[in-house]
PDB file of N, CA and C in Angstrom:
ATOM      1  N   MET A   1      69.847  22.623 181.489  1.00  0.00           N
ATOM      2  CA  MET A   1      68.555  23.286 181.512  1.00  0.00           C
ATOM      3  C   MET A   1      67.974  23.226 182.910  1.00  0.00           C
ATOM      4  N   LYS A   2      67.333  24.280 183.274  1.00  0.00           N
ATOM      5  CA  LYS A   2      66.662  24.290 184.567  1.00  0.00           C
ATOM      6  C   LYS A   2      65.314  23.597 184.447  1.00  0.00           C
ATOM      7  N   PHE A   3      65.021  22.772 185.433  1.00  0.00           N
ATOM      8  CA  PHE A   3      63.771  22.023 185.407  1.00  0.00           C
ATOM      9  C   PHE A   3      62.555  22.953 185.418  1.00  0.00           C
ATOM     10  N   LYS A   4      62.598  23.994 186.253  1.00  0.00           N
ATOM     11  CA  LYS A   4      61.459  24.912 186.331  1.00  0.00           C
ATOM     12  C   LYS A   4      61.224  25.628 185.010  1.00  0.00           C
ATOM     13  N   ALA A   5      62.294  25.997 184.340  1.00  0.00           N
ATOM     14  CA  ALA A   5      62.148  26.688 183.059  1.00  0.00           C
ATOM     15  C   ALA A   5      61.484  25.787 182.025  1.00  0.00           C
ATOM     16  N   VAL A   6      61.899  24.527 181.999  1.00  0.00           N
ATOM     17  CA  VAL A   6      61.283  23.576 181.073  1.00  0.00           C
ATOM     18  C   VAL A   6      59.829  23.331 181.447  1.00  0.00           C
ATOM     19  N   LEU A   7      59.541  23.284 182.735  1.00  0.00           N
ATOM     20  CA  LEU A   7      58.164  23.108 183.191  1.00  0.00           C
ATOM     21  C   LEU A   7      57.290  24.283 182.751  1.00  0.00           C
ATOM     22  N   PHE A   8      57.787  25.513 182.902  1.00  0.00           N
ATOM     23  CA  PHE A   8      57.026  26.685 182.467  1.00  0.00           C
ATOM     24  C   PHE A   8      56.811  26.669 180.956  1.00  0.00           C
ATOM     25  N   MET A   9      57.815  26.222 180.217  1.00  0.00           N
ATOM     26  CA  MET A   9      57.674  26.137 178.769  1.00  0.00           C
ATOM     27  C   MET A   9      56.611  25.100 178.402  1.00  0.00           C
ATOM     28  N   ALA A  10      56.628  23.954 179.074  1.00  0.00           N
ATOM     29  CA  ALA A  10      55.635  22.911 178.797  1.00  0.00           C
ATOM     30  C   ALA A  10      54.228  23.376 179.162  1.00  0.00           C
ATOM     31  N   LEU A  11      54.095  24.064 180.292  1.00  0.00           N
ATOM     32  CA  LEU A  11      52.784  24.601 180.671  1.00  0.00           C
ATOM     33  C   LEU A  11      52.287  25.606 179.631  1.00  0.00           C
ATOM     34  N   GLY A  12      53.207  26.433 179.136  1.00  0.00           N
ATOM     35  CA  GLY A  12      52.848  27.414 178.117  1.00  0.00           C
ATOM     36  C   GLY A  12      52.478  26.777 176.794  1.00  0.00           C
ATOM     37  N   TRP A  13      53.043  25.613 176.505  1.00  0.00           N
ATOM     38  CA  TRP A  13      52.674  24.913 175.279  1.00  0.00           C
ATOM     39  C   TRP A  13      51.308  24.251 175.422  1.00  0.00           C
ATOM     40  N   ILE A  14      51.054  23.636 176.570  1.00  0.00           N
ATOM     41  CA  ILE A  14      49.783  22.929 176.765  1.00  0.00           C
ATOM     42  C   ILE A  14      48.606  23.895 176.749  1.00  0.00           C
ATOM     43  N   ILE A  15      48.705  24.970 177.520  1.00  0.00           N
ATOM     44  CA  ILE A  15      47.654  25.994 177.545  1.00  0.00           C
ATOM     45  C   ILE A  15      48.343  27.336 177.312  1.00  0.00           C
ATOM     46  N   PRO A  16      48.040  27.989 176.201  1.00  0.00           N
ATOM     47  CA  PRO A  16      48.723  29.246 175.878  1.00  0.00           C
ATOM     48  C   PRO A  16      48.624  30.261 177.024  1.00  0.00           C
ATOM     49  N   GLY A  17      49.750  30.818 177.409  1.00  0.00           N
ATOM     50  CA  GLY A  17      49.786  31.826 178.460  1.00  0.00           C
ATOM     51  C   GLY A  17      49.950  31.277 179.860  1.00  0.00           C
ATOM     52  N   LEU A  18      49.763  29.990 180.060  1.00  0.00           N
ATOM     53  CA  LEU A  18      49.853  29.417 181.398  1.00  0.00           C
ATOM     54  C   LEU A  18      51.279  29.475 181.943  1.00  0.00           C
ATOM     55  N   GLY A  19      52.263  29.366 181.079  1.00  0.00           N
ATOM     56  CA  GLY A  19      53.644  29.496 181.522  1.00  0.00           C
ATOM     57  C   GLY A  19      53.950  30.876 182.065  1.00  0.00           C
ATOM     58  N   HIS A  20      53.304  31.883 181.494  1.00  0.00           N
ATOM     59  CA  HIS A  20      53.488  33.254 181.972  1.00  0.00           C
ATOM     60  C   HIS A  20      52.712  33.497 183.271  1.00  0.00           C
ATOM     61  N   VAL A  21      51.487  33.004 183.317  1.00  0.00           N
ATOM     62  CA  VAL A  21      50.672  33.167 184.524  1.00  0.00           C
ATOM     63  C   VAL A  21      51.346  32.472 185.703  1.00  0.00           C
ATOM     64  N   SER A  22      51.968  31.329 185.452  1.00  0.00           N
ATOM     65  CA  SER A  22      52.670  30.610 186.514  1.00  0.00           C
ATOM     66  C   SER A  22      53.859  31.404 187.058  1.00  0.00           C
ATOM     67  N   GLN A  23      54.373  32.318 186.247  1.00  0.00           N
ATOM     68  CA  GLN A  23      55.491  33.160 186.671  1.00  0.00           C
ATOM     69  C   GLN A  23      55.026  34.555 187.100  1.00  0.00           C
ATOM     70  N   LYS A  24      53.739  34.678 187.351  1.00  0.00           N
ATOM     71  CA  LYS A  24      53.114  35.918 187.824  1.00  0.00           C
ATOM     72  C   LYS A  24      53.188  37.053 186.802  1.00  0.00           C
ATOM     73  N   LYS A  25      53.173  36.702 185.540  1.00  0.00           N
ATOM     74  CA  LYS A  25      53.069  37.668 184.442  1.00  0.00           C
ATOM     75  C   LYS A  25      51.631  37.580 183.919  1.00  0.00           C
ATOM     76  N   TYR A  26      50.701  38.043 184.745  1.00  0.00           N
ATOM     77  CA  TYR A  26      49.281  37.829 184.488  1.00  0.00           C
ATOM     78  C   TYR A  26      48.786  38.516 183.222  1.00  0.00           C
ATOM     79  N   ALA A  27      49.155  39.766 183.031  1.00  0.00           N
ATOM     80  CA  ALA A  27      48.668  40.502 181.859  1.00  0.00           C
ATOM     81  C   ALA A  27      49.202  39.873 180.575  1.00  0.00           C
ATOM     82  N   ARG A  28      50.477  39.560 180.561  1.00  0.00           N
ATOM     83  CA  ARG A  28      51.081  38.961 179.371  1.00  0.00           C
ATOM     84  C   ARG A  28      50.444  37.604 179.080  1.00  0.00           C
ATOM     85  N   GLY A  29      50.252  36.805 180.118  1.00  0.00           N
ATOM     86  CA  GLY A  29      49.624  35.497 179.933  1.00  0.00           C
ATOM     87  C   GLY A  29      48.203  35.602 179.418  1.00  0.00           C
ATOM     88  N   ALA A  30      47.457  36.584 179.934  1.00  0.00           N
ATOM     89  CA  ALA A  30      46.069  36.769 179.486  1.00  0.00           C
ATOM     90  C   ALA A  30      46.012  37.203 178.025  1.00  0.00           C
ATOM     91  N   VAL A  31      46.897  38.095 177.638  1.00  0.00           N
ATOM     92  CA  VAL A  31      46.927  38.556 176.244  1.00  0.00           C
ATOM     93  C   VAL A  31      47.266  37.392 175.314  1.00  0.00           C
ATOM     94  N   PHE A  32      48.246  36.586 175.691  1.00  0.00           N
ATOM     95  CA  PHE A  32      48.610  35.446 174.853  1.00  0.00           C
ATOM     96  C   PHE A  32      47.471  34.439 174.766  1.00  0.00           C
ATOM     97  N   PHE A  33      46.822  34.152 175.892  1.00  0.00           N
ATOM     98  CA  PHE A  33      45.727  33.189 175.877  1.00  0.00           C
ATOM     99  C   PHE A  33      44.587  33.671 174.988  1.00  0.00           C
ATOM    100  N   VAL A  34      44.178  34.914 175.171  1.00  0.00           N
ATOM    101  CA  VAL A  34      43.058  35.449 174.384  1.00  0.00           C
ATOM    102  C   VAL A  34      43.408  35.484 172.897  1.00  0.00           C
ATOM    103  N   SER A  35      44.626  35.908 172.572  1.00  0.00           N
ATOM    104  CA  SER A  35      45.024  36.005 171.166  1.00  0.00           C
ATOM    105  C   SER A  35      45.039  34.647 170.479  1.00  0.00           C
ATOM    106  N   ILE A  36      45.669  33.678 171.103  1.00  0.00           N
ATOM    107  CA  ILE A  36      45.779  32.358 170.481  1.00  0.00           C
ATOM    108  C   ILE A  36      44.433  31.652 170.467  1.00  0.00           C
ATOM    109  N   PHE A  37      43.655  31.822 171.537  1.00  0.00           N
ATOM    110  CA  PHE A  37      42.310  31.241 171.570  1.00  0.00           C
ATOM    111  C   PHE A  37      41.440  31.843 170.474  1.00  0.00           C
ATOM    112  N   ALA A  38      41.535  33.154 170.281  1.00  0.00           N
ATOM    113  CA  ALA A  38      40.739  33.824 169.248  1.00  0.00           C
ATOM    114  C   ALA A  38      41.150  33.361 167.852  1.00  0.00           C
ATOM    115  N   MET A  39      42.446  33.242 167.616  1.00  0.00           N
ATOM    116  CA  MET A  39      42.897  32.769 166.306  1.00  0.00           C
ATOM    117  C   MET A  39      42.404  31.352 166.021  1.00  0.00           C
ATOM    118  N   THR A  40      42.517  30.496 167.014  1.00  0.00           N
ATOM    119  CA  THR A  40      42.063  29.115 166.833  1.00  0.00           C
ATOM    120  C   THR A  40      40.545  29.074 166.645  1.00  0.00           C
ATOM    121  N   GLY A  41      39.822  29.824 167.455  1.00  0.00           N
ATOM    122  CA  GLY A  41      38.364  29.857 167.336  1.00  0.00           C
ATOM    123  C   GLY A  41      37.899  30.384 165.991  1.00  0.00           C
ATOM    124  N   LEU A  42      38.522  31.452 165.527  1.00  0.00           N
ATOM    125  CA  LEU A  42      38.166  31.983 164.205  1.00  0.00           C
ATOM    126  C   LEU A  42      38.481  30.968 163.112  1.00  0.00           C
ATOM    127  N   GLY A  43      39.601  30.276 163.254  1.00  0.00           N
ATOM    128  CA  GLY A  43      39.940  29.248 162.275  1.00  0.00           C
ATOM    129  C   GLY A  43      38.903  28.140 162.224  1.00  0.00           C
ATOM    130  N   LEU A  44      38.403  27.741 163.380  1.00  0.00           N
ATOM    131  CA  LEU A  44      37.360  26.703 163.413  1.00  0.00           C
ATOM    132  C   LEU A  44      36.054  27.215 162.830  1.00  0.00           C
ATOM    133  N   ILE A  45      35.697  28.447 163.149  1.00  0.00           N
ATOM    134  CA  ILE A  45      34.461  29.029 162.616  1.00  0.00           C
ATOM    135  C   ILE A  45      34.521  29.115 161.091  1.00  0.00           C
ATOM    136  N   MET A  46      35.708  29.393 160.561  1.00  0.00           N
ATOM    137  CA  MET A  46      35.874  29.483 159.110  1.00  0.00           C
ATOM    138  C   MET A  46      35.929  28.119 158.435  1.00  0.00           C
ATOM    139  N   GLY A  47      35.896  27.055 159.211  1.00  0.00           N
ATOM    140  CA  GLY A  47      35.900  25.709 158.639  1.00  0.00           C
ATOM    141  C   GLY A  47      37.289  25.153 158.410  1.00  0.00           C
ATOM    142  N   GLY A  48      38.261  25.627 159.170  1.00  0.00           N
ATOM    143  CA  GLY A  48      39.638  25.160 159.014  1.00  0.00           C
ATOM    144  C   GLY A  48      39.820  23.731 159.470  1.00  0.00           C
ATOM    145  N   LYS A  49      40.901  23.129 159.001  1.00  0.00           N
ATOM    146  CA  LYS A  49      41.190  21.727 159.304  1.00  0.00           C
ATOM    147  C   LYS A  49      42.376  21.625 160.261  1.00  0.00           C
ATOM    148  N   VAL A  50      42.274  20.706 161.212  1.00  0.00           N
ATOM    149  CA  VAL A  50      43.380  20.356 162.091  1.00  0.00           C
ATOM    150  C   VAL A  50      43.943  19.049 161.546  1.00  0.00           C
ATOM    151  N   TYR A  51      45.197  19.084 161.115  1.00  0.00           N
ATOM    152  CA  TYR A  51      45.788  17.947 160.418  1.00  0.00           C
ATOM    153  C   TYR A  51      46.360  16.906 161.378  1.00  0.00           C
ATOM    154  N   PRO A  52      46.013  15.628 161.156  1.00  0.00           N
ATOM    155  CA  PRO A  52      46.687  14.547 161.882  1.00  0.00           C
ATOM    156  C   PRO A  52      48.013  14.247 161.188  1.00  0.00           C
ATOM    157  N   PHE A  53      48.814  13.378 161.775  1.00  0.00           N
ATOM    158  CA  PHE A  53      50.080  13.013 161.148  1.00  0.00           C
ATOM    159  C   PHE A  53      49.803  12.132 159.945  1.00  0.00           C
ATOM    160  N   GLN A  54      50.254  12.570 158.780  1.00  0.00           N
ATOM    161  CA  GLN A  54      50.094  11.819 157.537  1.00  0.00           C
ATOM    162  C   GLN A  54      51.424  11.854 156.800  1.00  0.00           C
ATOM    163  N   THR A  55      51.767  10.768 156.129  1.00  0.00           N
ATOM    164  CA  THR A  55      53.046  10.724 155.424  1.00  0.00           C
ATOM    165  C   THR A  55      52.899  10.799 153.909  1.00  0.00           C
ATOM    166  N   GLU A  56      51.676  10.917 153.406  1.00  0.00           N
ATOM    167  CA  GLU A  56      51.481  10.935 151.954  1.00  0.00           C
ATOM    168  C   GLU A  56      52.041  12.195 151.312  1.00  0.00           C
ATOM    169  N   ASN A  57      51.920  13.302 152.004  1.00  0.00           N
ATOM    170  CA  ASN A  57      52.302  14.590 151.441  1.00  0.00           C
ATOM    171  C   ASN A  57      53.192  15.330 152.446  1.00  0.00           C
ATOM    172  N   PRO A  58      54.359  15.782 152.029  1.00  0.00           N
ATOM    173  CA  PRO A  58      55.251  16.480 152.971  1.00  0.00           C
ATOM    174  C   PRO A  58      54.627  17.743 153.566  1.00  0.00           C
ATOM    175  N   LEU A  59      53.760  18.404 152.834  1.00  0.00           N
ATOM    176  CA  LEU A  59      53.138  19.618 153.366  1.00  0.00           C
ATOM    177  C   LEU A  59      52.187  19.323 154.519  1.00  0.00           C
ATOM    178  N   THR A  60      51.555  18.157 154.504  1.00  0.00           N
ATOM    179  CA  THR A  60      50.683  17.814 155.630  1.00  0.00           C
ATOM    180  C   THR A  60      51.493  17.500 156.879  1.00  0.00           C
ATOM    181  N   ILE A  61      52.740  17.056 156.699  1.00  0.00           N
ATOM    182  CA  ILE A  61      53.615  16.843 157.864  1.00  0.00           C
ATOM    183  C   ILE A  61      53.930  18.189 158.512  1.00  0.00           C
ATOM    184  N   LEU A  62      54.216  19.190 157.685  1.00  0.00           N
ATOM    185  CA  LEU A  62      54.472  20.538 158.219  1.00  0.00           C
ATOM    186  C   LEU A  62      53.224  21.112 158.890  1.00  0.00           C
ATOM    187  N   ALA A  63      52.060  20.890 158.285  1.00  0.00           N
ATOM    188  CA  ALA A  63      50.809  21.365 158.883  1.00  0.00           C
ATOM    189  C   ALA A  63      50.556  20.668 160.215  1.00  0.00           C
ATOM    190  N   PHE A  64      50.901  19.386 160.299  1.00  0.00           N
ATOM    191  CA  PHE A  64      50.752  18.649 161.552  1.00  0.00           C
ATOM    192  C   PHE A  64      51.586  19.289 162.662  1.00  0.00           C
ATOM    193  N   PHE A  65      52.867  19.586 162.373  1.00  0.00           N
ATOM    194  CA  PHE A  65      53.722  20.186 163.395  1.00  0.00           C
ATOM    195  C   PHE A  65      53.247  21.584 163.779  1.00  0.00           C
ATOM    196  N   ALA A  66      52.692  22.327 162.844  1.00  0.00           N
ATOM    197  CA  ALA A  66      52.133  23.639 163.176  1.00  0.00           C
ATOM    198  C   ALA A  66      50.917  23.478 164.080  1.00  0.00           C
ATOM    199  N   ASP A  67      50.063  22.509 163.780  1.00  0.00           N
ATOM    200  CA  ASP A  67      48.852  22.297 164.581  1.00  0.00           C
ATOM    201  C   ASP A  67      49.167  21.749 165.969  1.00  0.00           C
ATOM    202  N   VAL A  68      50.219  20.949 166.097  1.00  0.00           N
ATOM    203  CA  VAL A  68      50.608  20.414 167.403  1.00  0.00           C
ATOM    204  C   VAL A  68      50.978  21.548 168.355  1.00  0.00           C
ATOM    205  N   GLY A  69      51.400  22.668 167.809  1.00  0.00           N
ATOM    206  CA  GLY A  69      51.733  23.822 168.636  1.00  0.00           C
ATOM    207  C   GLY A  69      50.560  24.338 169.450  1.00  0.00           C
ATOM    208  N   ASN A  70      49.350  23.964 169.088  1.00  0.00           N
ATOM    209  CA  ASN A  70      48.167  24.392 169.840  1.00  0.00           C
ATOM    210  C   ASN A  70      47.997  23.647 171.152  1.00  0.00           C
ATOM    211  N   GLY A  71      48.839  22.679 171.428  1.00  0.00           N
ATOM    212  CA  GLY A  71      48.848  22.005 172.723  1.00  0.00           C
ATOM    213  C   GLY A  71      47.596  21.218 173.024  1.00  0.00           C
ATOM    214  N   LEU A  72      46.938  21.570 174.122  1.00  0.00           N
ATOM    215  CA  LEU A  72      45.758  20.839 174.584  1.00  0.00           C
ATOM    216  C   LEU A  72      44.645  20.830 173.539  1.00  0.00           C
ATOM    217  N   PHE A  73      44.503  21.918 172.811  1.00  0.00           N
ATOM    218  CA  PHE A  73      43.483  21.966 171.758  1.00  0.00           C
ATOM    219  C   PHE A  73      43.735  20.869 170.725  1.00  0.00           C
ATOM    220  N   TYR A  74      44.991  20.668 170.337  1.00  0.00           N
ATOM    221  CA  TYR A  74      45.286  19.625 169.358  1.00  0.00           C
ATOM    222  C   TYR A  74      44.964  18.250 169.923  1.00  0.00           C
ATOM    223  N   ILE A  75      45.321  18.017 171.164  1.00  0.00           N
ATOM    224  CA  ILE A  75      45.039  16.724 171.791  1.00  0.00           C
ATOM    225  C   ILE A  75      43.530  16.480 171.833  1.00  0.00           C
ATOM    226  N   LEU A  76      42.765  17.502 172.198  1.00  0.00           N
ATOM    227  CA  LEU A  76      41.303  17.365 172.213  1.00  0.00           C
ATOM    228  C   LEU A  76      40.743  17.130 170.811  1.00  0.00           C
ATOM    229  N   SER A  77      41.341  17.754 169.813  1.00  0.00           N
ATOM    230  CA  SER A  77      40.832  17.600 168.447  1.00  0.00           C
ATOM    231  C   SER A  77      41.018  16.177 167.930  1.00  0.00           C
ATOM    232  N   ARG A  78      41.954  15.441 168.486  1.00  0.00           N
ATOM    233  CA  ARG A  78      42.147  14.057 168.064  1.00  0.00           C
ATOM    234  C   ARG A  78      41.099  13.138 168.695  1.00  0.00           C
ATOM    235  N   PHE A  79      40.579  13.496 169.870  1.00  0.00           N
ATOM    236  CA  PHE A  79      39.588  12.645 170.537  1.00  0.00           C
ATOM    237  C   PHE A  79      38.161  13.081 170.262  1.00  0.00           C
ATOM    238  N   LEU A  80      37.949  14.353 170.017  1.00  0.00           N
ATOM    239  CA  LEU A  80      36.621  14.879 169.724  1.00  0.00           C
ATOM    240  C   LEU A  80      36.559  15.263 168.246  1.00  0.00           C
ATOM    241  N   ALA A  81      35.387  15.520 167.771  1.00  0.00           N
ATOM    242  CA  ALA A  81      35.233  15.900 166.352  1.00  0.00           C
ATOM    243  C   ALA A  81      35.414  17.409 166.194  1.00  0.00           C
ATOM    244  N   ILE A  82      36.625  17.888 166.499  1.00  0.00           N
ATOM    245  CA  ILE A  82      36.925  19.308 166.384  1.00  0.00           C
ATOM    246  C   ILE A  82      37.883  19.499 165.220  1.00  0.00           C
ATOM    247  N   GLY A  83      37.559  20.406 164.325  1.00  0.00           N
ATOM    248  CA  GLY A  83      38.458  20.753 163.236  1.00  0.00           C
ATOM    249  C   GLY A  83      38.594  19.736 162.125  1.00  0.00           C
ATOM    250  N   PRO A  84      37.478  19.096 161.690  1.00  0.00           N
ATOM    251  CA  PRO A  84      37.622  18.163 160.572  1.00  0.00           C
ATOM    252  C   PRO A  84      37.839  18.871 159.238  1.00  0.00           C
ATOM    253  N   GLY A  85      37.513  20.159 159.198  1.00  0.00           N
ATOM    254  CA  GLY A  85      37.670  20.923 157.962  1.00  0.00           C
ATOM    255  C   GLY A  85      36.434  20.816 157.101  1.00  0.00           C
ATOM    256  N   SER A  86      36.113  21.900 156.454  1.00  0.00           N
ATOM    257  CA  SER A  86      34.960  21.944 155.565  1.00  0.00           C
ATOM    258  C   SER A  86      35.445  22.477 154.223  1.00  0.00           C
ATOM    259  N   LEU A  87      35.905  21.571 153.383  1.00  0.00           N
ATOM    260  CA  LEU A  87      36.525  21.938 152.124  1.00  0.00           C
ATOM    261  C   LEU A  87      35.587  22.715 151.202  1.00  0.00           C
ATOM    262  N   GLY A  88      34.298  22.533 151.360  1.00  0.00           N
ATOM    263  CA  GLY A  88      33.331  23.228 150.521  1.00  0.00           C
ATOM    264  C   GLY A  88      33.159  24.704 150.866  1.00  0.00           C
ATOM    265  N   ARG A  89      33.635  25.116 152.023  1.00  0.00           N
ATOM    266  CA  ARG A  89      33.482  26.518 152.426  1.00  0.00           C
ATOM    267  C   ARG A  89      34.552  27.387 151.780  1.00  0.00           C
ATOM    268  N   MET A  90      34.163  28.588 151.449  1.00  0.00           N
ATOM    269  CA  MET A  90      35.084  29.509 150.804  1.00  0.00           C
ATOM    270  C   MET A  90      36.240  29.905 151.725  1.00  0.00           C
ATOM    271  N   THR A  91      36.014  29.864 153.019  1.00  0.00           N
ATOM    272  CA  THR A  91      37.015  30.315 153.989  1.00  0.00           C
ATOM    273  C   THR A  91      37.859  29.176 154.557  1.00  0.00           C
ATOM    274  N   PHE A  92      37.787  27.989 153.955  1.00  0.00           N
ATOM    275  CA  PHE A  92      38.507  26.812 154.455  1.00  0.00           C
ATOM    276  C   PHE A  92      40.009  27.072 154.596  1.00  0.00           C
ATOM    277  N   GLU A  93      40.631  27.588 153.546  1.00  0.00           N
ATOM    278  CA  GLU A  93      42.078  27.806 153.570  1.00  0.00           C
ATOM    279  C   GLU A  93      42.480  28.842 154.614  1.00  0.00           C
ATOM    280  N   PHE A  94      41.694  29.904 154.740  1.00  0.00           N
ATOM    281  CA  PHE A  94      42.002  30.926 155.739  1.00  0.00           C
ATOM    282  C   PHE A  94      41.855  30.366 157.146  1.00  0.00           C
ATOM    283  N   GLY A  95      40.829  29.568 157.376  1.00  0.00           N
ATOM    284  CA  GLY A  95      40.636  28.955 158.679  1.00  0.00           C
ATOM    285  C   GLY A  95      41.768  28.015 159.042  1.00  0.00           C
ATOM    286  N   THR A  96      42.209  27.222 158.074  1.00  0.00           N
ATOM    287  CA  THR A  96      43.328  26.320 158.301  1.00  0.00           C
ATOM    288  C   THR A  96      44.597  27.106 158.615  1.00  0.00           C
ATOM    289  N   ALA A  97      44.792  28.212 157.905  1.00  0.00           N
ATOM    290  CA  ALA A  97      45.969  29.054 158.155  1.00  0.00           C
ATOM    291  C   ALA A  97      45.904  29.698 159.539  1.00  0.00           C
ATOM    292  N   TYR A  98      44.725  30.098 159.985  1.00  0.00           N
ATOM    293  CA  TYR A  98      44.582  30.679 161.327  1.00  0.00           C
ATOM    294  C   TYR A  98      44.936  29.652 162.403  1.00  0.00           C
ATOM    295  N   ILE A  99      44.464  28.420 162.234  1.00  0.00           N
ATOM    296  CA  ILE A  99      44.744  27.377 163.218  1.00  0.00           C
ATOM    297  C   ILE A  99      46.249  27.067 163.249  1.00  0.00           C
ATOM    298  N   ALA A 100      46.859  26.946 162.077  1.00  0.00           N
ATOM    299  CA  ALA A 100      48.298  26.677 162.014  1.00  0.00           C
ATOM    300  C   ALA A 100      49.090  27.862 162.564  1.00  0.00           C
ATOM    301  N   GLY A 101      48.654  29.075 162.245  1.00  0.00           N
ATOM    302  CA  GLY A 101      49.336  30.268 162.753  1.00  0.00           C
ATOM    303  C   GLY A 101      49.258  30.364 164.264  1.00  0.00           C
ATOM    304  N   ALA A 102      48.122  29.980 164.819  1.00  0.00           N
ATOM    305  CA  ALA A 102      47.985  29.986 166.277  1.00  0.00           C
ATOM    306  C   ALA A 102      48.936  28.985 166.914  1.00  0.00           C
ATOM    307  N   GLY A 103      49.107  27.831 166.292  1.00  0.00           N
ATOM    308  CA  GLY A 103      50.041  26.834 166.809  1.00  0.00           C
ATOM    309  C   GLY A 103      51.482  27.318 166.760  1.00  0.00           C
ATOM    310  N   LEU A 104      51.859  27.952 165.660  1.00  0.00           N
ATOM    311  CA  LEU A 104      53.221  28.478 165.543  1.00  0.00           C
ATOM    312  C   LEU A 104      53.454  29.614 166.531  1.00  0.00           C
ATOM    313  N   LEU A 105      52.453  30.455 166.710  1.00  0.00           N
ATOM    314  CA  LEU A 105      52.568  31.534 167.685  1.00  0.00           C
ATOM    315  C   LEU A 105      52.702  30.977 169.098  1.00  0.00           C
ATOM    316  N   ASN A 106      52.000  29.892 169.383  1.00  0.00           N
ATOM    317  CA  ASN A 106      52.085  29.298 170.712  1.00  0.00           C
ATOM    318  C   ASN A 106      53.475  28.721 170.982  1.00  0.00           C
ATOM    319  N   TYR A 107      54.159  28.214 169.946  1.00  0.00           N
ATOM    320  CA  TYR A 107      55.547  27.786 170.135  1.00  0.00           C
ATOM    321  C   TYR A 107      56.394  28.964 170.624  1.00  0.00           C
ATOM    322  N   LEU A 108      56.205  30.123 169.999  1.00  0.00           N
ATOM    323  CA  LEU A 108      56.972  31.305 170.394  1.00  0.00           C
ATOM    324  C   LEU A 108      56.622  31.761 171.805  1.00  0.00           C
ATOM    325  N   VAL A 109      55.353  31.664 172.163  1.00  0.00           N
ATOM    326  CA  VAL A 109      54.914  32.052 173.506  1.00  0.00           C
ATOM    327  C   VAL A 109      55.529  31.118 174.547  1.00  0.00           C
ATOM    328  N   ALA A 110      55.576  29.817 174.256  1.00  0.00           N
ATOM    329  CA  ALA A 110      56.188  28.865 175.189  1.00  0.00           C
ATOM    330  C   ALA A 110      57.686  29.145 175.340  1.00  0.00           C
ATOM    331  N   LEU A 111      58.353  29.480 174.243  1.00  0.00           N
ATOM    332  CA  LEU A 111      59.775  29.830 174.332  1.00  0.00           C
ATOM    333  C   LEU A 111      59.982  31.128 175.103  1.00  0.00           C
ATOM    334  N   ASP A 112      59.046  32.060 175.002  1.00  0.00           N
ATOM    335  CA  ASP A 112      59.125  33.293 175.771  1.00  0.00           C
ATOM    336  C   ASP A 112      59.018  32.991 177.274  1.00  0.00           C
ATOM    337  N   ALA A 113      58.128  32.073 177.637  1.00  0.00           N
ATOM    338  CA  ALA A 113      58.005  31.674 179.043  1.00  0.00           C
ATOM    339  C   ALA A 113      59.303  31.041 179.529  1.00  0.00           C
ATOM    340  N   TYR A 114      59.948  30.263 178.682  1.00  0.00           N
ATOM    341  CA  TYR A 114      61.237  29.656 179.035  1.00  0.00           C
ATOM    342  C   TYR A 114      62.295  30.746 179.242  1.00  0.00           C
ATOM    343  N   ASP A 115      62.357  31.716 178.329  1.00  0.00           N
ATOM    344  CA  ASP A 115      63.344  32.790 178.439  1.00  0.00           C
ATOM    345  C   ASP A 115      63.150  33.604 179.714  1.00  0.00           C
ATOM    346  N   ILE A 116      61.919  33.840 180.095  1.00  0.00           N
ATOM    347  CA  ILE A 116      61.660  34.563 181.334  1.00  0.00           C
ATOM    348  C   ILE A 116      62.144  33.735 182.529  1.00  0.00           C
ATOM    349  N   ALA A 117      61.882  32.435 182.494  1.00  0.00           N
ATOM    350  CA  ALA A 117      62.257  31.572 183.616  1.00  0.00           C
ATOM    351  C   ALA A 117      63.766  31.465 183.802  1.00  0.00           C
ATOM    352  N   VAL A 118      64.536  31.491 182.712  1.00  0.00           N
ATOM    353  CA  VAL A 118      65.988  31.382 182.860  1.00  0.00           C
ATOM    354  C   VAL A 118      66.647  32.746 183.053  1.00  0.00           C
ATOM    355  N   GLY A 119      65.871  33.812 183.004  1.00  0.00           N
ATOM    356  CA  GLY A 119      66.399  35.141 183.291  1.00  0.00           C
ATOM    357  C   GLY A 119      66.877  35.927 182.094  1.00  0.00           C
ATOM    358  N   LYS A 120      66.609  35.461 180.879  1.00  0.00           N
ATOM    359  CA  LYS A 120      67.006  36.206 179.683  1.00  0.00           C
ATOM    360  C   LYS A 120      66.111  37.406 179.428  1.00  0.00           C
ATOM    361  N   LYS A 121      64.888  37.354 179.930  1.00  0.00           N
ATOM    362  CA  LYS A 121      63.894  38.404 179.728  1.00  0.00           C
ATOM    363  C   LYS A 121      63.216  38.704 181.051  1.00  0.00           C
ATOM    364  N   ARG A 122      62.500  39.827 181.066  1.00  0.00           N
ATOM    365  CA  ARG A 122      61.680  40.125 182.249  1.00  0.00           C
ATOM    366  C   ARG A 122      60.241  40.076 181.944  1.00  0.00           C
TER     367      ARG A 122
END
């Protein structure tokens, strides 16, 4: 593996789109950042939950790995009171799905930055 490619992938995971911006793909990076930020923000507004690592239920382990895909946002949510979830809200499940979907999408965006760096894509 090329070190630079892995670095771009890690940057893209930490902050969505940063791996692309670092490779001078400004428009693509901006679209990815805005899209993932909007999905995460809408999920929080809807009262979605960001799951910590729990071993009681296998589904919460999967939700944890999906949420970790949000990178810096997930790290901040562990130190700040972001995304505790509001189970009483009607939109709780949709908000949680938006946050998890944003994390999964960010995994794909980071892999796209890696593919560009190794020359598989332009």
